[in-house]
N, C-alpha and C. Protein backbone atom coordinates (compact mmCIF):
# COMPACT_ATOMS: atom_id res chain seq x y z
N MET A 1 -29.17 18.62 -14.73
CA MET A 1 -29.86 18.72 -13.47
C MET A 1 -28.90 19.13 -12.37
N ARG A 2 -29.41 19.89 -11.47
CA ARG A 2 -28.60 20.35 -10.36
C ARG A 2 -28.45 19.24 -9.32
N GLY A 3 -27.22 19.07 -8.79
CA GLY A 3 -26.98 18.08 -7.75
C GLY A 3 -26.73 16.67 -8.26
N VAL A 4 -26.85 16.46 -9.56
CA VAL A 4 -26.62 15.14 -10.13
C VAL A 4 -25.25 15.15 -10.81
N PRO A 5 -24.36 14.24 -10.41
CA PRO A 5 -23.03 14.24 -11.02
C PRO A 5 -23.09 13.82 -12.48
N ASP A 6 -22.20 14.40 -13.29
CA ASP A 6 -22.11 14.05 -14.70
C ASP A 6 -21.25 12.79 -14.82
N LEU A 7 -21.89 11.66 -15.05
CA LEU A 7 -21.18 10.38 -15.11
C LEU A 7 -20.60 10.10 -16.49
N SER A 8 -20.85 10.99 -17.45
CA SER A 8 -20.33 10.77 -18.79
C SER A 8 -18.84 11.11 -18.87
N VAL A 9 -18.34 11.86 -17.89
CA VAL A 9 -16.93 12.23 -17.85
C VAL A 9 -16.28 11.51 -16.67
N PRO A 10 -15.28 10.68 -16.93
CA PRO A 10 -14.65 9.95 -15.82
C PRO A 10 -13.93 10.91 -14.87
N ASP A 11 -13.91 10.53 -13.61
CA ASP A 11 -13.23 11.33 -12.59
C ASP A 11 -11.73 11.14 -12.77
N MET A 12 -11.03 12.18 -13.14
CA MET A 12 -9.59 12.12 -13.37
C MET A 12 -8.80 12.66 -12.18
N THR A 13 -9.47 12.83 -11.05
CA THR A 13 -8.79 13.30 -9.86
C THR A 13 -7.79 12.25 -9.40
N PRO A 14 -6.52 12.66 -9.21
CA PRO A 14 -5.55 11.66 -8.76
C PRO A 14 -5.89 11.15 -7.37
N ALA A 15 -5.59 9.89 -7.14
CA ALA A 15 -5.86 9.28 -5.84
C ALA A 15 -4.98 9.93 -4.78
N VAL A 16 -5.54 10.12 -3.61
CA VAL A 16 -4.78 10.67 -2.50
C VAL A 16 -3.86 9.58 -1.98
N GLN A 17 -2.60 9.92 -1.85
CA GLN A 17 -1.63 8.95 -1.36
C GLN A 17 -1.41 9.15 0.14
N PRO A 18 -1.36 8.06 0.88
CA PRO A 18 -1.06 8.19 2.31
C PRO A 18 0.41 8.56 2.49
N GLU A 19 0.71 9.20 3.59
CA GLU A 19 2.10 9.54 3.89
C GLU A 19 2.75 8.38 4.65
N LEU A 20 3.44 7.55 3.90
CA LEU A 20 4.10 6.39 4.49
C LEU A 20 5.51 6.77 4.92
N ALA A 21 5.91 6.27 6.08
CA ALA A 21 7.28 6.48 6.56
C ALA A 21 8.23 5.65 5.69
N PRO A 22 9.48 6.09 5.56
CA PRO A 22 10.44 5.32 4.76
C PRO A 22 10.56 3.86 5.21
N ARG A 23 10.53 3.61 6.50
CA ARG A 23 10.64 2.23 6.99
C ARG A 23 9.39 1.43 6.62
N GLU A 24 8.23 2.06 6.63
CA GLU A 24 7.00 1.37 6.21
C GLU A 24 7.10 0.95 4.75
N VAL A 25 7.63 1.84 3.92
CA VAL A 25 7.80 1.51 2.50
C VAL A 25 8.81 0.38 2.35
N GLU A 26 9.90 0.44 3.10
CA GLU A 26 10.92 -0.60 3.03
C GLU A 26 10.35 -1.97 3.40
N VAL A 27 9.59 -2.02 4.48
CA VAL A 27 8.97 -3.28 4.91
C VAL A 27 7.96 -3.76 3.87
N LEU A 28 7.15 -2.85 3.36
CA LEU A 28 6.13 -3.19 2.38
C LEU A 28 6.76 -3.80 1.12
N VAL A 29 7.75 -3.13 0.58
CA VAL A 29 8.40 -3.61 -0.65
C VAL A 29 9.12 -4.94 -0.39
N ALA A 30 9.76 -5.07 0.75
CA ALA A 30 10.42 -6.34 1.08
C ALA A 30 9.40 -7.47 1.15
N TRP A 31 8.23 -7.18 1.71
CA TRP A 31 7.18 -8.19 1.83
C TRP A 31 6.69 -8.64 0.46
N PHE A 32 6.64 -7.72 -0.50
CA PHE A 32 6.22 -8.08 -1.85
C PHE A 32 7.19 -9.06 -2.50
N HIS A 33 8.44 -9.02 -2.08
CA HIS A 33 9.47 -9.86 -2.70
C HIS A 33 9.78 -11.14 -1.92
N THR A 34 9.05 -11.38 -0.85
CA THR A 34 9.28 -12.59 -0.06
C THR A 34 7.98 -13.35 0.10
N GLU A 35 8.10 -14.54 0.66
CA GLU A 35 6.93 -15.39 0.83
C GLU A 35 6.24 -15.20 2.17
N SER A 36 6.93 -14.56 3.12
CA SER A 36 6.32 -14.45 4.44
C SER A 36 6.83 -13.22 5.19
N LYS A 37 6.08 -12.86 6.20
CA LYS A 37 6.48 -11.75 7.06
C LYS A 37 7.71 -12.14 7.87
N GLU A 38 7.82 -13.42 8.21
CA GLU A 38 8.98 -13.90 8.95
C GLU A 38 10.25 -13.73 8.11
N ALA A 39 10.16 -13.97 6.81
CA ALA A 39 11.31 -13.79 5.92
C ALA A 39 11.71 -12.32 5.86
N VAL A 40 10.74 -11.43 5.85
CA VAL A 40 11.02 -9.99 5.87
C VAL A 40 11.75 -9.64 7.17
N ALA A 41 11.27 -10.19 8.27
CA ALA A 41 11.89 -9.92 9.57
C ALA A 41 13.36 -10.34 9.57
N ARG A 42 13.64 -11.52 9.04
CA ARG A 42 15.03 -11.99 8.98
C ARG A 42 15.87 -11.09 8.07
N GLN A 43 15.31 -10.72 6.93
CA GLN A 43 16.03 -9.90 5.95
C GLN A 43 16.36 -8.53 6.52
N LEU A 44 15.43 -7.93 7.25
CA LEU A 44 15.61 -6.57 7.76
C LEU A 44 16.12 -6.53 9.20
N HIS A 45 16.34 -7.71 9.78
CA HIS A 45 16.84 -7.82 11.16
C HIS A 45 15.91 -7.13 12.16
N ILE A 46 14.63 -7.43 12.02
CA ILE A 46 13.61 -6.92 12.95
C ILE A 46 12.72 -8.08 13.36
N ALA A 47 11.92 -7.87 14.38
CA ALA A 47 11.02 -8.92 14.87
C ALA A 47 9.83 -9.09 13.93
N PRO A 48 9.30 -10.30 13.81
CA PRO A 48 8.10 -10.51 13.00
C PRO A 48 6.93 -9.63 13.44
N THR A 49 6.82 -9.39 14.74
CA THR A 49 5.74 -8.51 15.21
C THR A 49 5.93 -7.08 14.70
N THR A 50 7.17 -6.66 14.54
CA THR A 50 7.44 -5.32 13.99
C THR A 50 7.01 -5.25 12.53
N VAL A 51 7.26 -6.31 11.78
CA VAL A 51 6.80 -6.36 10.39
C VAL A 51 5.28 -6.23 10.34
N ARG A 52 4.60 -7.02 11.17
CA ARG A 52 3.13 -6.96 11.20
C ARG A 52 2.63 -5.57 11.59
N THR A 53 3.31 -4.94 12.54
CA THR A 53 2.91 -3.59 12.96
C THR A 53 3.06 -2.60 11.81
N HIS A 54 4.18 -2.65 11.11
CA HIS A 54 4.38 -1.75 9.97
C HIS A 54 3.29 -1.96 8.91
N LEU A 55 2.98 -3.21 8.61
CA LEU A 55 1.97 -3.50 7.59
C LEU A 55 0.58 -3.07 8.05
N GLN A 56 0.28 -3.23 9.33
CA GLN A 56 -1.00 -2.75 9.87
C GLN A 56 -1.10 -1.23 9.73
N ARG A 57 -0.01 -0.54 10.00
CA ARG A 57 -0.01 0.93 9.88
C ARG A 57 -0.18 1.36 8.43
N VAL A 58 0.48 0.66 7.52
CA VAL A 58 0.32 0.96 6.09
C VAL A 58 -1.14 0.79 5.69
N ARG A 59 -1.74 -0.32 6.08
CA ARG A 59 -3.15 -0.56 5.74
C ARG A 59 -4.05 0.52 6.35
N ALA A 60 -3.77 0.91 7.59
CA ALA A 60 -4.58 1.94 8.25
C ALA A 60 -4.44 3.28 7.53
N LYS A 61 -3.25 3.59 7.07
CA LYS A 61 -3.04 4.86 6.36
C LYS A 61 -3.77 4.86 5.02
N TYR A 62 -3.76 3.74 4.32
CA TYR A 62 -4.52 3.66 3.06
C TYR A 62 -6.01 3.77 3.34
N ALA A 63 -6.49 3.12 4.37
CA ALA A 63 -7.92 3.20 4.71
C ALA A 63 -8.30 4.63 5.09
N ALA A 64 -7.40 5.34 5.77
CA ALA A 64 -7.69 6.71 6.21
C ALA A 64 -7.87 7.68 5.05
N VAL A 65 -7.26 7.37 3.89
CA VAL A 65 -7.43 8.24 2.72
C VAL A 65 -8.47 7.67 1.75
N GLY A 66 -9.24 6.70 2.23
CA GLY A 66 -10.33 6.16 1.42
C GLY A 66 -9.90 5.14 0.38
N ARG A 67 -8.75 4.52 0.58
CA ARG A 67 -8.24 3.53 -0.37
C ARG A 67 -7.85 2.26 0.39
N PRO A 68 -8.84 1.57 0.98
CA PRO A 68 -8.51 0.39 1.78
C PRO A 68 -7.80 -0.69 0.96
N ALA A 69 -6.91 -1.40 1.64
CA ALA A 69 -6.16 -2.49 1.02
C ALA A 69 -6.04 -3.60 2.04
N LYS A 70 -7.01 -4.49 2.04
CA LYS A 70 -7.08 -5.53 3.07
C LYS A 70 -6.24 -6.76 2.76
N THR A 71 -5.84 -6.92 1.51
CA THR A 71 -5.07 -8.11 1.13
C THR A 71 -3.70 -7.70 0.59
N LYS A 72 -2.82 -8.68 0.50
CA LYS A 72 -1.50 -8.41 -0.08
C LYS A 72 -1.64 -7.94 -1.52
N ALA A 73 -2.53 -8.57 -2.27
CA ALA A 73 -2.75 -8.17 -3.66
C ALA A 73 -3.22 -6.73 -3.76
N ALA A 74 -4.10 -6.33 -2.86
CA ALA A 74 -4.59 -4.95 -2.86
C ALA A 74 -3.46 -3.97 -2.52
N LEU A 75 -2.59 -4.36 -1.60
CA LEU A 75 -1.45 -3.49 -1.27
C LEU A 75 -0.48 -3.39 -2.45
N VAL A 76 -0.27 -4.49 -3.16
CA VAL A 76 0.57 -4.45 -4.36
C VAL A 76 -0.02 -3.47 -5.36
N ALA A 77 -1.33 -3.55 -5.58
CA ALA A 77 -2.00 -2.65 -6.52
C ALA A 77 -1.82 -1.19 -6.10
N ARG A 78 -2.00 -0.90 -4.82
CA ARG A 78 -1.84 0.47 -4.33
C ARG A 78 -0.40 0.94 -4.53
N ALA A 79 0.56 0.08 -4.24
CA ALA A 79 1.97 0.45 -4.38
C ALA A 79 2.31 0.74 -5.84
N ILE A 80 1.76 -0.03 -6.75
CA ILE A 80 1.98 0.22 -8.18
C ILE A 80 1.33 1.54 -8.57
N GLN A 81 0.08 1.76 -8.15
CA GLN A 81 -0.63 3.00 -8.46
C GLN A 81 0.12 4.22 -7.95
N ASP A 82 0.76 4.08 -6.79
CA ASP A 82 1.43 5.21 -6.16
C ASP A 82 2.90 5.32 -6.53
N GLY A 83 3.37 4.45 -7.42
CA GLY A 83 4.75 4.53 -7.88
C GLY A 83 5.79 4.03 -6.89
N LEU A 84 5.36 3.28 -5.88
CA LEU A 84 6.32 2.74 -4.92
C LEU A 84 7.10 1.57 -5.52
N ILE A 85 6.44 0.83 -6.41
CA ILE A 85 7.08 -0.26 -7.14
C ILE A 85 6.55 -0.24 -8.56
N HIS A 86 7.23 -0.96 -9.43
CA HIS A 86 6.77 -1.11 -10.81
C HIS A 86 6.44 -2.58 -11.03
N ILE A 87 5.54 -2.84 -11.92
CA ILE A 87 5.11 -4.21 -12.19
C ILE A 87 6.31 -5.09 -12.57
N ASP A 88 7.31 -4.50 -13.24
CA ASP A 88 8.50 -5.26 -13.63
C ASP A 88 9.34 -5.68 -12.44
N ASP A 89 9.14 -5.02 -11.30
CA ASP A 89 9.91 -5.34 -10.09
C ASP A 89 9.41 -6.59 -9.40
N LEU A 90 8.24 -7.06 -9.79
CA LEU A 90 7.64 -8.19 -9.07
C LEU A 90 8.05 -9.52 -9.62
């Protein structure tokens, strides 16, 4: 039928990755390895509000490409999917 997608074949289109700044990736990965945003701030010698800002921007960039990640677990999943981290790194 015309206009009806063929659901028998899975969509193999790769997910669109947001363009994250190197510092955003650094903050994101550090957050995955710590218990709190405050710990990330101490580790990277930045303010806790700066950590929150970077993470908000990362979430906004994922949402902008249609891949929202509202929780830390969702961000971990996106980072693994996009090759930013490996499951063995966690």
